[in-house]
């Protein structure tokens, strides 16, 4: 178990390099990875099970004790990212399938890797965990509803089918993880140390399956898609921080909100696009899987070296970005 824990720590630390290598491999030799697409919902479920196993009742106490930062973060999550995606889709004149895929990327909840990045960035970890958990729990309603409202004119969006799938691959595994932690705490404590490794392998498998299935589309539409995803991610990080600053949140909270908004659950985006839209609509989430895990460590490293002033009203707060 100690060996697996060490491997798990190593995999988490160098995740970005594994992501890049996996994407290049699947793009160069796509055929072996295409069959994995049949298991993408199951793989995402494993990732969310690991998330559920790490959650504790204390993680949700922040909502009761200090609800404003959590509520604001949730509002920013589900307004900034989908609206930014819609605007970028129009500005870049994206084809309908790519436009829908980008809006989908903006409509999914925060990704679990954001918690690690917030920790490294010396951000408010409790706020980050609570935002990830809450945005995930409301995703069955918010994600299909936002996608239907903003992108339904480009192609049909079946709200109930997406609702059902999100419940199956997100809510049920998270709930199962919580139940296991409640009734089998000893086993969970021993298992949870290797869950990062399991999650890394599952995410890499999802990425390689998606890249393999979309290799030809990536070759033809890859450049404009990369530009769209990079712009979208940058807007999320910057506007997330700015919105938190305008709302008078502390610098550590601003960092948490920025990273939470900028790093999406791309695995869910890939799963929903593949199952309910088109393979091309999955491209933004495929690219996001790699790109978010490049910019996340970069900004976390930058902030880790910047001093924090957690006063709400200090004039120096605006210089902490």
C-alpha atoms as a PDB file:
ATOM      1  CA  UNK A   1       0.000   0.000   0.000  1.00  0.00           C
ATOM      2  CA  UNK A   2       2.882   2.391   0.773  1.00  0.00           C
ATOM      3  CA  UNK A   3       4.372   1.711  -2.650  1.00  0.00           C
ATOM      4  CA  UNK A   4       1.049   2.438  -4.330  1.00  0.00           C
ATOM      5  CA  UNK A   5       0.681   5.601  -2.268  1.00  0.00           C
ATOM      6  CA  UNK A   6       4.118   6.781  -3.419  1.00  0.00           C
ATOM      7  CA  UNK A   7       3.245   6.027  -7.036  1.00  0.00           C
ATOM      8  CA  UNK A   8      -0.049   7.857  -6.567  1.00  0.00           C
ATOM      9  CA  UNK A   9       1.764  10.941  -5.250  1.00  0.00           C
ATOM     10  CA  UNK A  10       4.225  10.805  -8.157  1.00  0.00           C
ATOM     11  CA  UNK A  11       1.397  10.473 -10.694  1.00  0.00           C
ATOM     12  CA  UNK A  12      -0.437  13.440  -9.225  1.00  0.00           C
ATOM     13  CA  UNK A  13       2.694  15.611  -9.160  1.00  0.00           C
ATOM     14  CA  UNK A  14       3.616  14.993 -12.788  1.00  0.00           C
ATOM     15  CA  UNK A  15       0.062  14.656 -14.104  1.00  0.00           C
ATOM     16  CA  UNK A  16       0.472  17.410 -16.685  1.00  0.00           C
ATOM     17  CA  UNK A  17       3.334  15.567 -18.401  1.00  0.00           C
ATOM     18  CA  UNK A  18       1.333  12.340 -18.492  1.00  0.00           C
ATOM     19  CA  UNK A  19      -1.571  14.250 -20.043  1.00  0.00           C
ATOM     20  CA  UNK A  20       0.583  15.701 -22.819  1.00  0.00           C
ATOM     21  CA  UNK A  21       2.269  12.353 -23.537  1.00  0.00           C
ATOM     22  CA  UNK A  22      -1.059  10.506 -23.561  1.00  0.00           C
ATOM     23  CA  UNK A  23      -2.613  13.037 -25.945  1.00  0.00           C
ATOM     24  CA  UNK A  24       0.324  12.848 -28.365  1.00  0.00           C
ATOM     25  CA  UNK A  25       0.320   9.043 -28.295  1.00  0.00           C
ATOM     26  CA  UNK A  26      -3.422   8.745 -28.897  1.00  0.00           C
ATOM     27  CA  UNK A  27      -3.282  11.308 -31.697  1.00  0.00           C
ATOM     28  CA  UNK A  28      -0.349   9.532 -33.380  1.00  0.00           C
ATOM     29  CA  UNK A  29      -1.720   5.998 -32.987  1.00  0.00           C
ATOM     30  CA  UNK A  30      -5.497   6.367 -32.417  1.00  0.00           C
ATOM     31  CA  UNK A  31      -6.823   2.880 -33.247  1.00  0.00           C
ATOM     32  CA  UNK A  32      -5.926   1.038 -30.019  1.00  0.00           C
ATOM     33  CA  UNK A  33      -7.662   3.645 -27.870  1.00  0.00           C
ATOM     34  CA  UNK A  34     -10.962   4.036 -29.726  1.00  0.00           C
ATOM     35  CA  UNK A  35     -12.644   1.014 -28.032  1.00  0.00           C
ATOM     36  CA  UNK A  36     -12.112   2.669 -24.633  1.00  0.00           C
ATOM     37  CA  UNK A  37     -14.897   5.117 -25.535  1.00  0.00           C
ATOM     38  CA  UNK A  38     -17.462   2.471 -24.567  1.00  0.00           C
ATOM     39  CA  UNK A  39     -16.198   2.657 -20.980  1.00  0.00           C
ATOM     40  CA  UNK A  40     -15.852   6.450 -20.602  1.00  0.00           C
ATOM     41  CA  UNK A  41     -18.969   6.853 -18.371  1.00  0.00           C
ATOM     42  CA  UNK A  42     -17.688   4.063 -16.110  1.00  0.00           C
ATOM     43  CA  UNK A  43     -14.221   5.638 -15.928  1.00  0.00           C
ATOM     44  CA  UNK A  44     -15.679   9.023 -15.024  1.00  0.00           C
ATOM     45  CA  UNK A  45     -17.767   7.302 -12.362  1.00  0.00           C
ATOM     46  CA  UNK A  46     -14.570   5.940 -10.815  1.00  0.00           C
ATOM     47  CA  UNK A  47     -13.108   9.452 -10.646  1.00  0.00           C
ATOM     48  CA  UNK A  48     -16.254  10.771  -8.966  1.00  0.00           C
ATOM     49  CA  UNK A  49     -16.298   7.815  -6.548  1.00  0.00           C
ATOM     50  CA  UNK A  50     -12.823   8.862  -5.446  1.00  0.00           C
ATOM     51  CA  UNK A  51     -14.081  12.401  -4.942  1.00  0.00           C
ATOM     52  CA  UNK A  52     -16.957  11.143  -2.792  1.00  0.00           C
ATOM     53  CA  UNK A  53     -14.595   9.077  -0.668  1.00  0.00           C
ATOM     54  CA  UNK A  54     -12.500  12.150   0.145  1.00  0.00           C
ATOM     55  CA  UNK A  55     -15.452  14.339   1.184  1.00  0.00           C
ATOM     56  CA  UNK A  56     -16.306  14.861   4.844  1.00  0.00           C
ATOM     57  CA  UNK A  57     -19.314  16.486   6.518  1.00  0.00           C
ATOM     58  CA  UNK A  58     -16.973  19.310   7.552  1.00  0.00           C
ATOM     59  CA  UNK A  59     -16.494  20.162   3.886  1.00  0.00           C
ATOM     60  CA  UNK A  60     -20.116  21.299   3.723  1.00  0.00           C
ATOM     61  CA  UNK A  61     -20.142  23.274   6.989  1.00  0.00           C
ATOM     62  CA  UNK A  62     -18.694  26.256   5.157  1.00  0.00           C
ATOM     63  CA  UNK A  63     -22.041  26.692   3.386  1.00  0.00           C
ATOM     64  CA  UNK A  64     -23.780  27.194   6.726  1.00  0.00           C
ATOM     65  CA  UNK A  65     -21.055  29.236   8.426  1.00  0.00           C
ATOM     66  CA  UNK A  66     -19.978  31.459   5.522  1.00  0.00           C
ATOM     67  CA  UNK A  67     -22.492  31.032   2.706  1.00  0.00           C
ATOM     68  CA  UNK A  68     -21.730  34.211   0.726  1.00  0.00           C
ATOM     69  CA  UNK A  69     -18.358  33.186  -0.830  1.00  0.00           C
ATOM     70  CA  UNK A  70     -19.793  29.771  -1.739  1.00  0.00           C
ATOM     71  CA  UNK A  71     -22.956  31.196  -3.274  1.00  0.00           C
ATOM     72  CA  UNK A  72     -21.037  33.862  -5.179  1.00  0.00           C
ATOM     73  CA  UNK A  73     -18.551  31.270  -6.416  1.00  0.00           C
ATOM     74  CA  UNK A  74     -21.366  29.033  -7.625  1.00  0.00           C
ATOM     75  CA  UNK A  75     -23.043  31.932  -9.438  1.00  0.00           C
ATOM     76  CA  UNK A  76     -19.753  32.950 -11.062  1.00  0.00           C
ATOM     77  CA  UNK A  77     -19.132  29.315 -12.078  1.00  0.00           C
ATOM     78  CA  UNK A  78     -22.385  28.962 -13.963  1.00  0.00           C
ATOM     79  CA  UNK A  79     -22.490  32.443 -15.508  1.00  0.00           C
ATOM     80  CA  UNK A  80     -18.937  33.468 -16.424  1.00  0.00           C
ATOM     81  CA  UNK A  81     -17.903  30.222 -18.098  1.00  0.00           C
ATOM     82  CA  UNK A  82     -20.983  29.461 -20.247  1.00  0.00           C
ATOM     83  CA  UNK A  83     -21.445  33.103 -21.290  1.00  0.00           C
ATOM     84  CA  UNK A  84     -17.734  33.434 -22.103  1.00  0.00           C
ATOM     85  CA  UNK A  85     -17.982  30.270 -24.191  1.00  0.00           C
ATOM     86  CA  UNK A  86     -20.989  31.647 -26.078  1.00  0.00           C
ATOM     87  CA  UNK A  87     -19.223  34.954 -26.768  1.00  0.00           C
ATOM     88  CA  UNK A  88     -16.015  33.253 -27.940  1.00  0.00           C
ATOM     89  CA  UNK A  89     -18.011  30.916 -30.193  1.00  0.00           C
ATOM     90  CA  UNK A  90     -19.565  33.922 -31.912  1.00  0.00           C
ATOM     91  CA  UNK A  91     -16.353  35.961 -32.078  1.00  0.00           C
ATOM     92  CA  UNK A  92     -14.411  33.076 -33.640  1.00  0.00           C
ATOM     93  CA  UNK A  93     -17.387  32.067 -35.801  1.00  0.00           C
ATOM     94  CA  UNK A  94     -17.039  28.457 -34.690  1.00  0.00           C
ATOM     95  CA  UNK A  95     -18.900  25.733 -36.589  1.00  0.00           C
ATOM     96  CA  UNK A  96     -22.111  24.703 -34.773  1.00  0.00           C
ATOM     97  CA  UNK A  97     -20.739  21.447 -33.356  1.00  0.00           C
ATOM     98  CA  UNK A  98     -17.619  23.118 -31.951  1.00  0.00           C
ATOM     99  CA  UNK A  99     -19.700  26.006 -30.618  1.00  0.00           C
ATOM    100  CA  UNK A 100     -21.986  23.626 -28.745  1.00  0.00           C
ATOM    101  CA  UNK A 101     -18.966  21.735 -27.428  1.00  0.00           C
ATOM    102  CA  UNK A 102     -17.397  24.927 -26.111  1.00  0.00           C
ATOM    103  CA  UNK A 103     -20.633  25.989 -24.390  1.00  0.00           C
ATOM    104  CA  UNK A 104     -20.850  22.486 -22.905  1.00  0.00           C
ATOM    105  CA  UNK A 105     -17.307  22.876 -21.564  1.00  0.00           C
ATOM    106  CA  UNK A 106     -18.405  26.119 -19.952  1.00  0.00           C
ATOM    107  CA  UNK A 107     -21.528  24.547 -18.467  1.00  0.00           C
ATOM    108  CA  UNK A 108     -19.986  21.626 -16.572  1.00  0.00           C
ATOM    109  CA  UNK A 109     -18.993  21.914 -12.880  1.00  0.00           C
ATOM    110  CA  UNK A 110     -15.527  22.522 -11.521  1.00  0.00           C
ATOM    111  CA  UNK A 111     -12.977  19.741 -11.854  1.00  0.00           C
ATOM    112  CA  UNK A 112     -11.561  17.790  -8.928  1.00  0.00           C
ATOM    113  CA  UNK A 113      -7.970  18.712  -9.869  1.00  0.00           C
ATOM    114  CA  UNK A 114      -8.795  22.321  -8.995  1.00  0.00           C
ATOM    115  CA  UNK A 115      -8.635  21.493  -5.279  1.00  0.00           C
ATOM    116  CA  UNK A 116      -4.989  20.454  -5.569  1.00  0.00           C
ATOM    117  CA  UNK A 117      -4.161  23.582  -7.581  1.00  0.00           C
ATOM    118  CA  UNK A 118      -5.868  25.832  -5.006  1.00  0.00           C
ATOM    119  CA  UNK A 119      -3.889  24.159  -2.235  1.00  0.00           C
ATOM    120  CA  UNK A 120      -0.611  24.721  -4.103  1.00  0.00           C
ATOM    121  CA  UNK A 121      -1.614  28.328  -4.858  1.00  0.00           C
ATOM    122  CA  UNK A 122      -2.167  29.017  -1.131  1.00  0.00           C
ATOM    123  CA  UNK A 123      -5.818  29.669  -1.843  1.00  0.00           C
ATOM    124  CA  UNK A 124      -8.825  28.966   0.361  1.00  0.00           C
ATOM    125  CA  UNK A 125      -8.929  25.171   0.176  1.00  0.00           C
ATOM    126  CA  UNK A 126     -12.181  24.822   2.135  1.00  0.00           C
ATOM    127  CA  UNK A 127     -13.927  27.175  -0.287  1.00  0.00           C
ATOM    128  CA  UNK A 128     -12.470  25.286  -3.242  1.00  0.00           C
ATOM    129  CA  UNK A 129     -13.660  21.889  -1.997  1.00  0.00           C
ATOM    130  CA  UNK A 130     -17.100  23.250  -1.155  1.00  0.00           C
ATOM    131  CA  UNK A 131     -17.441  24.933  -4.558  1.00  0.00           C
ATOM    132  CA  UNK A 132     -16.411  21.761  -6.376  1.00  0.00           C
ATOM    133  CA  UNK A 133     -18.832  19.659  -4.333  1.00  0.00           C
ATOM    134  CA  UNK A 134     -21.773  22.031  -4.652  1.00  0.00           C
ATOM    135  CA  UNK A 135     -21.301  22.748  -8.360  1.00  0.00           C
ATOM    136  CA  UNK A 136     -21.114  18.986  -8.930  1.00  0.00           C
ATOM    137  CA  UNK A 137     -24.278  18.285  -6.941  1.00  0.00           C
ATOM    138  CA  UNK A 138     -26.332  20.848  -8.884  1.00  0.00           C
ATOM    139  CA  UNK A 139     -24.847  19.848 -12.257  1.00  0.00           C
ATOM    140  CA  UNK A 140     -27.722  17.493 -13.243  1.00  0.00           C
ATOM    141  CA  UNK A 141     -29.941  20.585 -13.461  1.00  0.00           C
ATOM    142  CA  UNK A 142     -27.571  23.415 -14.325  1.00  0.00           C
ATOM    143  CA  UNK A 143     -25.459  21.777 -17.038  1.00  0.00           C
ATOM    144  CA  UNK A 144     -28.237  20.575 -19.370  1.00  0.00           C
ATOM    145  CA  UNK A 145     -30.386  23.642 -18.636  1.00  0.00           C
ATOM    146  CA  UNK A 146     -27.617  26.110 -19.521  1.00  0.00           C
ATOM    147  CA  UNK A 147     -26.606  24.112 -22.585  1.00  0.00           C
ATOM    148  CA  UNK A 148     -30.228  23.962 -23.772  1.00  0.00           C
ATOM    149  CA  UNK A 149     -30.716  27.708 -23.240  1.00  0.00           C
ATOM    150  CA  UNK A 150     -27.467  28.904 -24.835  1.00  0.00           C
ATOM    151  CA  UNK A 151     -26.719  26.285 -27.482  1.00  0.00           C
ATOM    152  CA  UNK A 152     -30.061  24.695 -28.322  1.00  0.00           C
ATOM    153  CA  UNK A 153     -30.327  26.779 -31.490  1.00  0.00           C
ATOM    154  CA  UNK A 154     -27.199  25.123 -32.901  1.00  0.00           C
ATOM    155  CA  UNK A 155     -28.305  21.525 -32.384  1.00  0.00           C
ATOM    156  CA  UNK A 156     -30.897  19.566 -30.346  1.00  0.00           C
ATOM    157  CA  UNK A 157     -30.113  19.236 -26.628  1.00  0.00           C
ATOM    158  CA  UNK A 158     -32.059  16.581 -24.738  1.00  0.00           C
ATOM    159  CA  UNK A 159     -32.339  17.897 -21.175  1.00  0.00           C
ATOM    160  CA  UNK A 160     -33.658  14.724 -19.560  1.00  0.00           C
ATOM    161  CA  UNK A 161     -31.189  12.368 -21.200  1.00  0.00           C
ATOM    162  CA  UNK A 162     -28.308  14.535 -19.999  1.00  0.00           C
ATOM    163  CA  UNK A 163     -29.882  14.886 -16.561  1.00  0.00           C
ATOM    164  CA  UNK A 164     -30.105  11.101 -16.250  1.00  0.00           C
ATOM    165  CA  UNK A 165     -26.521  10.528 -17.386  1.00  0.00           C
ATOM    166  CA  UNK A 166     -25.092  13.157 -15.010  1.00  0.00           C
ATOM    167  CA  UNK A 167     -26.953  11.559 -12.114  1.00  0.00           C
ATOM    168  CA  UNK A 168     -25.581   8.157 -13.108  1.00  0.00           C
ATOM    169  CA  UNK A 169     -21.935   9.120 -13.659  1.00  0.00           C
ATOM    170  CA  UNK A 170     -21.622  11.950 -11.112  1.00  0.00           C
ATOM    171  CA  UNK A 171     -24.210  11.934  -8.321  1.00  0.00           C
ATOM    172  CA  UNK A 172     -24.494   8.181  -7.752  1.00  0.00           C
ATOM    173  CA  UNK A 173     -20.703   7.574  -7.506  1.00  0.00           C
ATOM    174  CA  UNK A 174     -20.205  10.612  -5.241  1.00  0.00           C
ATOM    175  CA  UNK A 175     -23.067   9.442  -3.008  1.00  0.00           C
ATOM    176  CA  UNK A 176     -21.609   5.936  -2.939  1.00  0.00           C
ATOM    177  CA  UNK A 177     -18.229   7.367  -1.921  1.00  0.00           C
ATOM    178  CA  UNK A 178     -19.871   9.301   0.929  1.00  0.00           C
ATOM    179  CA  UNK A 179     -21.716   6.161   2.086  1.00  0.00           C
ATOM    180  CA  UNK A 180     -18.522   4.097   2.028  1.00  0.00           C
ATOM    181  CA  UNK A 181     -16.709   6.744   4.070  1.00  0.00           C
ATOM    182  CA  UNK A 182     -19.559   6.825   6.582  1.00  0.00           C
ATOM    183  CA  UNK A 183     -19.915   3.075   7.132  1.00  0.00           C
ATOM    184  CA  UNK A 184     -16.479   1.696   6.173  1.00  0.00           C
ATOM    185  CA  UNK A 185     -14.105   4.439   7.348  1.00  0.00           C
ATOM    186  CA  UNK A 186     -11.133   2.156   8.022  1.00  0.00           C
ATOM    187  CA  UNK A 187     -11.189   0.646   4.539  1.00  0.00           C
ATOM    188  CA  UNK A 188     -11.719   4.048   2.940  1.00  0.00           C
ATOM    189  CA  UNK A 189      -8.798   5.604   4.817  1.00  0.00           C
ATOM    190  CA  UNK A 190      -6.529   2.866   3.512  1.00  0.00           C
ATOM    191  CA  UNK A 191      -7.891   3.146  -0.016  1.00  0.00           C
ATOM    192  CA  UNK A 192      -8.098   6.904  -0.375  1.00  0.00           C
ATOM    193  CA  UNK A 193      -4.304   7.301  -0.543  1.00  0.00           C
ATOM    194  CA  UNK A 194      -4.199   5.442  -3.858  1.00  0.00           C
ATOM    195  CA  UNK A 195      -7.331   7.019  -5.329  1.00  0.00           C
ATOM    196  CA  UNK A 196      -5.330   9.857  -6.964  1.00  0.00           C
ATOM    197  CA  UNK A 197      -3.476   7.195  -8.970  1.00  0.00           C
ATOM    198  CA  UNK A 198      -6.733   5.521  -9.957  1.00  0.00           C
ATOM    199  CA  UNK A 199      -8.218   8.893 -10.918  1.00  0.00           C
ATOM    200  CA  UNK A 200      -5.145   9.828 -12.960  1.00  0.00           C
ATOM    201  CA  UNK A 201      -5.302   6.543 -14.870  1.00  0.00           C
ATOM    202  CA  UNK A 202      -9.044   6.940 -15.464  1.00  0.00           C
ATOM    203  CA  UNK A 203      -8.666  10.522 -16.716  1.00  0.00           C
ATOM    204  CA  UNK A 204      -5.783   9.539 -18.981  1.00  0.00           C
ATOM    205  CA  UNK A 205      -7.886   6.695 -20.386  1.00  0.00           C
ATOM    206  CA  UNK A 206     -10.788   9.106 -21.051  1.00  0.00           C
ATOM    207  CA  UNK A 207      -8.410  11.545 -22.743  1.00  0.00           C
ATOM    208  CA  UNK A 208      -6.773   8.908 -24.934  1.00  0.00           C
ATOM    209  CA  UNK A 209     -10.125   7.437 -25.932  1.00  0.00           C
ATOM    210  CA  UNK A 210     -11.456  10.854 -26.893  1.00  0.00           C
ATOM    211  CA  UNK A 211      -8.328  11.925 -28.765  1.00  0.00           C
ATOM    212  CA  UNK A 212      -8.197   8.599 -30.577  1.00  0.00           C
ATOM    213  CA  UNK A 213     -11.834   8.822 -31.637  1.00  0.00           C
ATOM    214  CA  UNK A 214     -11.419  12.439 -32.779  1.00  0.00           C
ATOM    215  CA  UNK A 215      -7.910  12.324 -34.258  1.00  0.00           C
ATOM    216  CA  UNK A 216      -9.039  13.295 -37.768  1.00  0.00           C
ATOM    217  CA  UNK A 217     -11.318  16.056 -36.492  1.00  0.00           C
ATOM    218  CA  UNK A 218      -8.538  17.400 -34.272  1.00  0.00           C
ATOM    219  CA  UNK A 219      -6.219  17.529 -37.275  1.00  0.00           C
ATOM    220  CA  UNK A 220      -8.658  19.658 -39.280  1.00  0.00           C
ATOM    221  CA  UNK A 221     -10.350  21.727 -36.558  1.00  0.00           C
ATOM    222  CA  UNK A 222      -7.660  21.573 -33.932  1.00  0.00           C
ATOM    223  CA  UNK A 223      -6.130  25.057 -34.296  1.00  0.00           C
ATOM    224  CA  UNK A 224      -9.329  27.089 -33.965  1.00  0.00           C
ATOM    225  CA  UNK A 225     -10.482  24.740 -31.203  1.00  0.00           C
ATOM    226  CA  UNK A 226      -7.223  25.231 -29.304  1.00  0.00           C
ATOM    227  CA  UNK A 227      -7.544  29.005 -29.608  1.00  0.00           C
ATOM    228  CA  UNK A 228     -11.154  28.866 -28.366  1.00  0.00           C
ATOM    229  CA  UNK A 229     -10.323  26.668 -25.367  1.00  0.00           C
ATOM    230  CA  UNK A 230      -7.254  28.701 -24.416  1.00  0.00           C
ATOM    231  CA  UNK A 231      -9.237  31.958 -24.582  1.00  0.00           C
ATOM    232  CA  UNK A 232     -12.066  30.400 -22.600  1.00  0.00           C
ATOM    233  CA  UNK A 233      -9.740  29.174 -19.876  1.00  0.00           C
ATOM    234  CA  UNK A 234      -7.953  32.535 -19.653  1.00  0.00           C
ATOM    235  CA  UNK A 235     -11.250  34.422 -19.416  1.00  0.00           C
ATOM    236  CA  UNK A 236     -12.418  32.086 -16.649  1.00  0.00           C
ATOM    237  CA  UNK A 237      -9.262  32.544 -14.587  1.00  0.00           C
ATOM    238  CA  UNK A 238      -9.125  36.331 -15.004  1.00  0.00           C
ATOM    239  CA  UNK A 239     -12.834  37.117 -14.677  1.00  0.00           C
ATOM    240  CA  UNK A 240     -13.180  34.649 -11.815  1.00  0.00           C
ATOM    241  CA  UNK A 241     -10.523  36.527  -9.879  1.00  0.00           C
ATOM    242  CA  UNK A 242     -11.941  39.921 -10.884  1.00  0.00           C
ATOM    243  CA  UNK A 243     -15.492  38.978  -9.886  1.00  0.00           C
ATOM    244  CA  UNK A 244     -14.265  37.722  -6.506  1.00  0.00           C
ATOM    245  CA  UNK A 245     -12.276  40.944  -6.011  1.00  0.00           C
ATOM    246  CA  UNK A 246     -15.279  43.137  -6.854  1.00  0.00           C
ATOM    247  CA  UNK A 247     -17.303  41.056  -4.364  1.00  0.00           C
ATOM    248  CA  UNK A 248     -14.756  41.958  -1.650  1.00  0.00           C
ATOM    249  CA  UNK A 249     -13.583  38.390  -1.075  1.00  0.00           C
ATOM    250  CA  UNK A 250     -10.178  37.888   0.498  1.00  0.00           C
ATOM    251  CA  UNK A 251      -7.118  37.253  -1.719  1.00  0.00           C
ATOM    252  CA  UNK A 252      -7.030  33.570  -0.747  1.00  0.00           C
ATOM    253  CA  UNK A 253     -10.708  33.269  -1.667  1.00  0.00           C
ATOM    254  CA  UNK A 254     -10.091  35.069  -4.953  1.00  0.00           C
ATOM    255  CA  UNK A 255      -7.431  32.540  -5.862  1.00  0.00           C
ATOM    256  CA  UNK A 256      -9.783  29.679  -5.034  1.00  0.00           C
ATOM    257  CA  UNK A 257     -12.645  31.148  -7.059  1.00  0.00           C
ATOM    258  CA  UNK A 258     -10.372  31.888 -10.029  1.00  0.00           C
ATOM    259  CA  UNK A 259      -8.980  28.367 -10.221  1.00  0.00           C
ATOM    260  CA  UNK A 260     -12.348  26.747  -9.530  1.00  0.00           C
ATOM    261  CA  UNK A 261     -13.934  28.649 -12.405  1.00  0.00           C
ATOM    262  CA  UNK A 262     -11.008  28.198 -14.778  1.00  0.00           C
ATOM    263  CA  UNK A 263     -10.660  24.424 -14.327  1.00  0.00           C
ATOM    264  CA  UNK A 264     -13.720  22.511 -15.504  1.00  0.00           C
ATOM    265  CA  UNK A 265     -14.798  18.868 -15.216  1.00  0.00           C
ATOM    266  CA  UNK A 266     -13.662  18.115 -18.742  1.00  0.00           C
ATOM    267  CA  UNK A 267     -14.271  14.387 -18.287  1.00  0.00           C
ATOM    268  CA  UNK A 268     -17.976  15.088 -17.887  1.00  0.00           C
ATOM    269  CA  UNK A 269     -17.874  17.319 -20.962  1.00  0.00           C
ATOM    270  CA  UNK A 270     -16.314  14.525 -23.023  1.00  0.00           C
ATOM    271  CA  UNK A 271     -18.815  11.974 -21.701  1.00  0.00           C
ATOM    272  CA  UNK A 272     -21.896  14.103 -22.413  1.00  0.00           C
ATOM    273  CA  UNK A 273     -20.698  15.216 -25.842  1.00  0.00           C
ATOM    274  CA  UNK A 274     -19.839  11.684 -26.910  1.00  0.00           C
ATOM    275  CA  UNK A 275     -23.117  10.211 -25.667  1.00  0.00           C
ATOM    276  CA  UNK A 276     -25.611  12.963 -26.520  1.00  0.00           C
ATOM    277  CA  UNK A 277     -24.079  15.310 -29.098  1.00  0.00           C
ATOM    278  CA  UNK A 278     -21.400  14.510 -31.693  1.00  0.00           C
ATOM    279  CA  UNK A 279     -17.738  13.466 -31.625  1.00  0.00           C
ATOM    280  CA  UNK A 280     -16.732  16.925 -32.865  1.00  0.00           C
ATOM    281  CA  UNK A 281     -18.632  18.529 -29.969  1.00  0.00           C
ATOM    282  CA  UNK A 282     -16.307  16.608 -27.622  1.00  0.00           C
ATOM    283  CA  UNK A 283     -13.196  18.314 -29.028  1.00  0.00           C
ATOM    284  CA  UNK A 284     -13.249  21.411 -26.747  1.00  0.00           C
ATOM    285  CA  UNK A 285     -13.486  19.203 -23.653  1.00  0.00           C
ATOM    286  CA  UNK A 286     -10.751  16.913 -25.011  1.00  0.00           C
ATOM    287  CA  UNK A 287      -8.439  19.882 -25.492  1.00  0.00           C
ATOM    288  CA  UNK A 288      -9.549  21.302 -22.147  1.00  0.00           C
ATOM    289  CA  UNK A 289      -8.458  18.115 -20.381  1.00  0.00           C
ATOM    290  CA  UNK A 290      -4.887  18.819 -21.449  1.00  0.00           C
ATOM    291  CA  UNK A 291      -4.911  22.617 -21.381  1.00  0.00           C
ATOM    292  CA  UNK A 292      -6.533  23.078 -17.970  1.00  0.00           C
ATOM    293  CA  UNK A 293      -3.924  20.792 -16.471  1.00  0.00           C
ATOM    294  CA  UNK A 294      -1.180  22.927 -17.985  1.00  0.00           C
ATOM    295  CA  UNK A 295      -2.419  26.363 -16.938  1.00  0.00           C
ATOM    296  CA  UNK A 296      -3.547  25.123 -13.517  1.00  0.00           C
ATOM    297  CA  UNK A 297      -0.057  24.182 -12.291  1.00  0.00           C
ATOM    298  CA  UNK A 298       1.424  27.308 -13.899  1.00  0.00           C
ATOM    299  CA  UNK A 299      -0.867  29.728 -12.075  1.00  0.00           C
ATOM    300  CA  UNK A 300      -0.625  27.678  -8.865  1.00  0.00           C
ATOM    301  CA  UNK A 301       3.169  27.895  -9.024  1.00  0.00           C
ATOM    302  CA  UNK A 302       3.008  31.642  -9.657  1.00  0.00           C
ATOM    303  CA  UNK A 303       0.657  32.299  -6.763  1.00  0.00           C
ATOM    304  CA  UNK A 304       2.575  30.013  -4.415  1.00  0.00           C
ATOM    305  CA  UNK A 305       5.441  32.501  -4.599  1.00  0.00           C
ATOM    306  CA  UNK A 306       3.277  35.586  -4.126  1.00  0.00           C
ATOM    307  CA  UNK A 307       2.533  36.961  -0.634  1.00  0.00           C
ATOM    308  CA  UNK A 308      -1.009  36.759   0.666  1.00  0.00           C
ATOM    309  CA  UNK A 309      -2.793  39.581   2.439  1.00  0.00           C
ATOM    310  CA  UNK A 310      -6.119  38.234   3.632  1.00  0.00           C
ATOM    311  CA  UNK A 311      -7.567  41.557   4.748  1.00  0.00           C
ATOM    312  CA  UNK A 312     -10.835  42.364   2.976  1.00  0.00           C
ATOM    313  CA  UNK A 313     -10.230  46.067   2.510  1.00  0.00           C
ATOM    314  CA  UNK A 314      -6.491  46.513   2.231  1.00  0.00           C
ATOM    315  CA  UNK A 315      -5.422  48.586  -0.792  1.00  0.00           C
ATOM    316  CA  UNK A 316      -2.677  46.023  -1.349  1.00  0.00           C
ATOM    317  CA  UNK A 317      -5.264  43.324  -2.074  1.00  0.00           C
ATOM    318  CA  UNK A 318      -5.558  44.413  -5.680  1.00  0.00           C
ATOM    319  CA  UNK A 319      -1.849  43.682  -6.178  1.00  0.00           C
ATOM    320  CA  UNK A 320      -2.063  40.031  -5.140  1.00  0.00           C
ATOM    321  CA  UNK A 321      -3.002  38.560  -8.507  1.00  0.00           C
END
